[in-house]
Protein backbone atom coordinates (compact mmCIF):
# COMPACT_ATOMS: atom_id res chain seq x y z
CA MET A 1 34.78 -40.50 -36.98
CA ARG A 2 33.85 -38.71 -40.05
CA ASP A 3 32.14 -40.49 -43.32
CA ILE A 4 33.90 -41.44 -45.90
CA PHE A 5 32.41 -42.08 -49.28
CA PHE A 6 33.41 -43.27 -52.74
CA MET A 7 31.40 -41.97 -55.67
CA GLU A 8 31.54 -43.99 -58.77
CA ARG A 9 32.82 -42.62 -62.35
CA ASP A 10 30.87 -44.93 -64.35
CA PRO A 11 31.24 -43.76 -68.08
CA TYR A 12 28.27 -45.61 -69.25
CA ALA A 13 25.59 -45.30 -66.55
CA PRO A 14 23.10 -42.81 -66.37
CA ILE A 15 23.36 -43.02 -62.56
CA ARG A 16 26.02 -42.95 -60.08
CA HIS A 17 26.82 -45.35 -57.04
CA CYS A 18 27.88 -43.90 -53.89
CA TYR A 19 29.57 -46.08 -51.16
CA PRO A 20 30.30 -45.44 -48.03
CA ILE A 21 33.56 -46.94 -47.15
CA GLU A 22 35.66 -47.77 -43.97
CA ASP A 23 39.13 -47.18 -45.22
CA ILE A 24 41.32 -46.84 -48.54
CA LEU A 25 44.01 -50.00 -48.29
CA TYR A 26 45.72 -49.36 -51.76
CA GLU A 27 45.99 -46.62 -54.57
CA LYS A 28 48.08 -47.05 -57.49
CA LYS A 29 48.11 -46.06 -60.92
CA SER A 30 49.26 -48.93 -63.72
CA GLU A 31 50.38 -48.53 -66.86
CA TYR A 32 46.71 -49.03 -68.09
CA GLN A 33 44.29 -48.09 -65.38
CA GLU A 34 43.68 -46.62 -61.93
CA ILE A 35 43.55 -49.32 -59.14
CA LEU A 36 42.29 -48.81 -55.99
CA VAL A 37 41.11 -50.92 -53.02
CA VAL A 38 38.74 -49.91 -50.52
CA LYS A 39 36.84 -51.53 -47.37
CA SER A 40 33.24 -51.44 -47.57
CA PRO A 41 31.19 -52.04 -44.33
CA HIS A 42 28.57 -54.00 -46.50
CA PHE A 43 30.33 -55.24 -49.55
CA GLY A 44 33.70 -56.20 -47.47
CA LYS A 45 37.08 -55.27 -49.94
CA MET A 46 36.40 -53.66 -52.97
CA LEU A 47 38.15 -53.42 -56.16
CA ILE A 48 38.03 -50.45 -58.42
CA LEU A 49 39.55 -49.64 -61.96
CA ASP A 50 39.44 -46.27 -63.40
CA GLY A 51 36.63 -45.17 -60.79
CA VAL A 52 34.46 -48.19 -61.23
CA VAL A 53 33.76 -50.93 -58.70
CA GLN A 54 34.52 -54.09 -60.64
CA VAL A 55 34.64 -56.84 -57.85
CA ASP A 56 33.56 -57.16 -54.19
CA GLU A 57 33.88 -59.96 -51.59
CA ARG A 58 30.46 -60.32 -50.55
CA TYR A 59 28.70 -60.49 -53.93
CA GLU A 60 31.38 -61.43 -56.47
CA HIS A 61 30.05 -65.45 -56.75
CA PHE A 62 26.99 -63.92 -58.80
CA TYR A 63 28.95 -62.61 -61.70
CA HIS A 64 31.68 -64.89 -61.54
CA GLU A 65 29.66 -68.12 -61.51
CA MET A 66 27.15 -67.15 -63.70
CA LEU A 67 29.85 -65.89 -66.55
CA VAL A 68 31.94 -69.25 -65.97
CA HIS A 69 29.32 -71.94 -65.31
CA VAL A 70 26.67 -71.35 -68.09
CA PRO A 71 29.16 -71.60 -71.14
CA MET A 72 31.11 -74.67 -68.99
CA PHE A 73 28.13 -76.69 -68.16
CA SER A 74 26.78 -76.22 -71.74
CA HIS A 75 30.04 -77.99 -73.12
CA PRO A 76 30.11 -81.72 -72.60
CA ASN A 77 33.87 -82.04 -71.78
CA PRO A 78 35.74 -78.63 -71.65
CA GLU A 79 39.60 -79.28 -71.42
CA ASP A 80 41.26 -76.08 -72.68
CA VAL A 81 39.96 -72.95 -71.69
CA LEU A 82 41.06 -69.40 -72.29
CA ILE A 83 39.93 -66.33 -70.63
CA ILE A 84 40.71 -62.86 -71.48
CA GLY A 85 40.72 -60.31 -68.73
CA GLY A 86 39.58 -61.80 -65.29
CA GLY A 87 42.95 -60.45 -63.40
CA ASP A 88 41.04 -60.77 -60.03
CA GLY A 89 41.19 -64.51 -60.52
CA GLY A 90 37.39 -65.18 -60.03
CA SER A 91 36.85 -66.37 -63.31
CA LEU A 92 39.76 -68.84 -63.12
CA ARG A 93 38.89 -70.10 -59.84
CA GLU A 94 35.61 -71.24 -61.12
CA VAL A 95 36.93 -72.43 -64.29
CA LEU A 96 39.72 -74.52 -62.14
CA LYS A 97 36.56 -76.34 -60.16
CA HIS A 98 35.65 -78.57 -63.47
CA LYS A 99 37.83 -81.75 -63.28
CA SER A 100 37.77 -81.98 -66.87
CA VAL A 101 39.88 -78.82 -67.54
CA LYS A 102 43.48 -79.56 -68.14
CA ARG A 103 44.66 -75.85 -69.25
CA ALA A 104 43.28 -72.83 -68.40
CA VAL A 105 44.71 -69.74 -69.94
CA LEU A 106 44.28 -66.61 -68.37
CA VAL A 107 45.61 -63.12 -70.53
CA ASP A 108 45.10 -59.86 -68.88
CA ILE A 109 47.07 -56.83 -70.01
CA ASP A 110 47.75 -55.51 -66.66
CA LYS A 111 49.82 -57.44 -64.21
CA GLU A 112 49.19 -54.88 -61.35
CA VAL A 113 45.36 -56.18 -61.28
CA ILE A 114 46.74 -59.33 -60.61
CA GLU A 115 49.26 -58.55 -58.05
CA THR A 116 46.44 -56.62 -56.23
CA SER A 117 44.03 -59.27 -56.31
CA LYS A 118 46.91 -61.61 -54.64
CA ARG A 119 47.52 -59.43 -51.90
CA PHE A 120 44.17 -58.06 -51.08
CA PHE A 121 41.24 -60.95 -52.62
CA PRO A 122 42.62 -64.38 -51.36
CA THR A 123 39.35 -65.98 -51.98
CA LEU A 124 39.28 -64.90 -55.37
CA SER A 125 42.95 -65.28 -56.48
CA SER A 126 43.17 -68.56 -54.99
CA SER A 127 44.02 -70.55 -58.27
CA PHE A 128 46.66 -68.44 -59.77
CA GLU A 129 49.35 -71.06 -58.43
CA ASP A 130 46.75 -74.23 -59.78
CA SER A 131 49.31 -76.17 -62.05
CA ARG A 132 46.90 -76.14 -65.05
CA ALA A 133 46.53 -72.34 -65.11
CA ILE A 134 48.95 -70.18 -67.60
CA ILE A 135 49.00 -66.83 -66.83
CA LEU A 136 49.83 -64.32 -69.41
CA ASN A 137 50.23 -60.74 -68.91
CA GLU A 138 49.53 -59.36 -72.88
CA ASP A 139 46.81 -57.95 -75.11
CA GLY A 140 44.15 -60.32 -75.03
CA TYR A 141 42.99 -59.38 -78.89
CA LYS A 142 46.54 -59.84 -79.93
CA TYR A 143 46.84 -63.19 -78.42
CA ILE A 144 43.58 -64.54 -79.82
CA LYS A 145 44.46 -63.71 -83.18
CA GLU A 146 47.24 -66.03 -83.22
CA CYS A 147 45.10 -69.00 -82.05
CA ASN A 148 43.47 -71.45 -84.27
CA SER A 149 41.16 -74.18 -83.06
CA GLU A 150 42.79 -74.45 -79.49
CA PHE A 151 40.15 -73.81 -77.01
CA ASP A 152 36.82 -75.38 -76.10
CA ILE A 153 35.60 -72.51 -74.11
CA VAL A 154 36.41 -68.92 -74.32
CA ILE A 155 35.47 -66.55 -71.68
CA VAL A 156 35.72 -62.64 -71.64
CA ASP A 157 35.71 -61.21 -68.33
CA SER A 158 36.24 -57.61 -69.42
CA THR A 159 35.91 -54.00 -67.76
CA ASP A 160 33.46 -52.03 -69.32
CA PRO A 161 34.45 -51.21 -72.99
CA VAL A 162 36.39 -48.32 -72.64
CA GLY A 163 40.14 -47.75 -73.46
CA PHE A 164 41.96 -51.09 -74.32
CA ALA A 165 38.87 -53.02 -73.67
CA HIS A 166 36.31 -51.47 -76.61
CA VAL A 167 37.94 -53.96 -79.35
CA LEU A 168 36.51 -57.05 -77.18
CA ILE A 169 32.50 -56.54 -78.27
CA THR A 170 33.71 -55.97 -82.01
CA GLU A 171 32.81 -58.42 -85.00
CA GLU A 172 36.03 -58.76 -85.93
CA PHE A 173 36.97 -59.65 -82.39
CA PHE A 174 34.13 -62.49 -82.55
CA ARG A 175 35.59 -63.66 -85.73
CA HIS A 176 39.28 -64.08 -83.95
CA VAL A 177 37.26 -66.18 -80.88
CA TYR A 178 35.51 -68.32 -83.34
CA ASN A 179 38.77 -69.03 -84.98
CA ALA A 180 40.12 -69.85 -81.87
CA LEU A 181 37.76 -72.25 -80.86
CA LYS A 182 37.53 -76.30 -81.77
CA PRO A 183 34.80 -77.26 -83.78
CA ASP A 184 31.95 -77.68 -81.09
CA GLY A 185 33.39 -74.53 -78.85
CA ILE A 186 31.75 -71.94 -76.86
CA TYR A 187 32.14 -68.31 -76.22
CA ALA A 188 30.89 -66.28 -73.25
CA GLY A 189 31.26 -62.46 -72.38
CA GLN A 190 29.87 -59.67 -70.05
CA THR A 191 27.87 -57.61 -72.48
CA GLU A 192 26.37 -54.69 -69.65
CA SER A 193 23.15 -53.77 -68.33
CA LEU A 194 19.90 -55.09 -70.09
CA LEU A 195 18.04 -51.83 -68.84
CA TYR A 196 20.87 -49.36 -69.01
CA HIS A 197 22.84 -50.67 -72.22
CA GLY A 198 20.29 -52.12 -74.53
CA GLU A 199 21.76 -50.58 -77.68
CA MET A 200 24.95 -52.08 -77.17
CA VAL A 201 23.78 -55.26 -76.32
CA SER A 202 21.36 -55.38 -79.29
CA ARG A 203 24.56 -54.55 -81.53
CA ILE A 204 26.81 -57.21 -79.52
CA GLN A 205 23.92 -59.96 -80.32
CA LYS A 206 23.94 -58.99 -84.03
CA ASP A 207 27.20 -59.36 -84.38
CA LEU A 208 27.48 -62.72 -82.98
CA ARG A 209 24.84 -63.88 -85.06
CA LYS A 210 27.19 -63.04 -88.29
CA VAL A 211 29.72 -65.65 -86.71
CA PHE A 212 28.00 -68.09 -84.52
CA PRO A 213 24.92 -70.46 -85.59
CA ILE A 214 23.63 -70.57 -82.06
CA VAL A 215 23.90 -66.98 -80.40
CA ASP A 216 21.85 -66.32 -77.16
CA LEU A 217 21.37 -64.10 -74.10
CA PHE A 218 21.46 -64.98 -70.22
CA THR A 219 21.18 -62.46 -67.15
CA SER A 220 22.02 -62.66 -63.64
CA VAL A 221 21.61 -59.60 -60.99
CA ILE A 222 24.54 -58.28 -60.05
CA PRO A 223 24.05 -56.13 -56.66
CA ILE A 224 27.31 -53.75 -57.71
CA TYR A 225 26.79 -53.08 -61.31
CA ALA A 226 24.91 -49.94 -62.18
CA GLY A 227 21.83 -51.68 -63.98
CA TYR A 228 22.02 -54.57 -61.79
CA TRP A 229 20.20 -57.10 -64.19
CA TRP A 230 23.17 -57.80 -66.29
CA THR A 231 23.85 -59.63 -69.62
CA PHE A 232 25.91 -62.25 -70.75
CA SER A 233 26.23 -63.11 -74.26
CA ILE A 234 26.99 -66.58 -75.54
CA GLY A 235 27.98 -67.86 -79.00
CA SER A 236 28.04 -72.00 -79.36
CA LYS A 237 29.33 -73.82 -82.46
CA LYS A 238 27.08 -76.41 -81.97
CA TYR A 239 25.56 -77.42 -78.55
CA ASP A 240 22.31 -76.11 -77.13
CA VAL A 241 23.25 -73.46 -74.13
CA ARG A 242 19.70 -73.11 -72.40
CA ARG A 243 20.50 -75.91 -70.08
CA PRO A 244 23.16 -78.11 -68.82
CA SER A 245 24.67 -80.75 -70.80
CA ARG A 246 26.19 -82.92 -67.91
CA THR A 247 25.70 -83.03 -64.50
CA VAL A 248 26.44 -80.32 -62.23
CA ASP A 249 29.18 -81.60 -60.15
CA VAL A 250 31.34 -78.24 -58.47
CA GLU A 251 30.51 -76.63 -55.44
CA THR A 252 28.69 -73.28 -56.12
CA LYS A 253 26.87 -70.45 -54.02
CA PHE A 254 24.48 -69.39 -56.42
CA TYR A 255 24.64 -71.35 -59.81
CA SER A 256 22.37 -74.81 -60.45
CA PRO A 257 20.82 -76.44 -62.95
CA SER A 258 17.64 -74.37 -62.52
CA VAL A 259 19.51 -71.42 -62.27
CA HIS A 260 21.06 -71.90 -65.66
CA GLU A 261 17.97 -72.84 -67.41
CA HIS A 262 15.98 -69.65 -65.65
CA ALA A 263 19.02 -67.49 -66.60
CA PHE A 264 17.78 -67.29 -70.44
CA LEU A 265 14.62 -65.57 -70.82
CA PRO A 266 11.88 -66.16 -73.65
CA LYS A 267 13.15 -64.13 -76.82
CA ASP A 268 9.90 -62.18 -76.58
CA VAL A 269 10.89 -61.04 -73.40
CA TYR A 270 14.17 -59.75 -74.30
CA LYS A 271 12.33 -57.95 -77.35
CA LYS A 272 10.78 -55.53 -74.83
CA PHE A 273 14.28 -54.25 -73.66
CA ILE A 274 16.11 -54.78 -76.49
CA ASN A 275 16.33 -54.91 -80.56
CA LEU A 276 16.73 -58.80 -81.36
């Protein structure tokens, strides 16, 4: 059997990942992006959008658990949650582990990503049919502009900030997020690599500080993302986000109260990599 490899086309990274793969399971070009599903002998099935690996079966919990549970457990009683992006369903799955949640709105512009995840990634897409979930296929930026004090948590689970996703890391967008949050709401979003995208991380942190009174940065190692040491930016209207505000009572593979606290590095450590 001949060797088959997939070479990433990451527009931001100074390196390219090359994955040995066993099979190409699905290919389609949606209205918004190229969608590819491959099977890797090490990572399991992998979802690739526009030439960049977004999620894998083996390690996805490192990303989804950190993106979701850090803001969720920083809030004492999150009931209404908005997820922008996240069409694979992993963030929605983690949000709905919280018994306090009454409504989780997922807004992803590309319905084809959701349908692909339902077909090939059942462990990720398992919560799409939950009665608390509202799934909307529309522009998340336009959607949030119409929201006013509706959500306890806003999570942005987006692709790299290119194309239709580039507006999701702007000061203007953060102001819409602030308005969409309740008076004690919290925002969190993935904000690229601490090592490879320092200028972008710095700019996002500075723009968030123009909007939110409490702004911070936490990190996790994501094996499939170029740069590995991944950042998540967080903005809070009221609560300290560096430790859980309530008992951690959900089942996780990686996240824990200790992981939560240690994901936030001392500010002087961050300053070695980015301009704060």
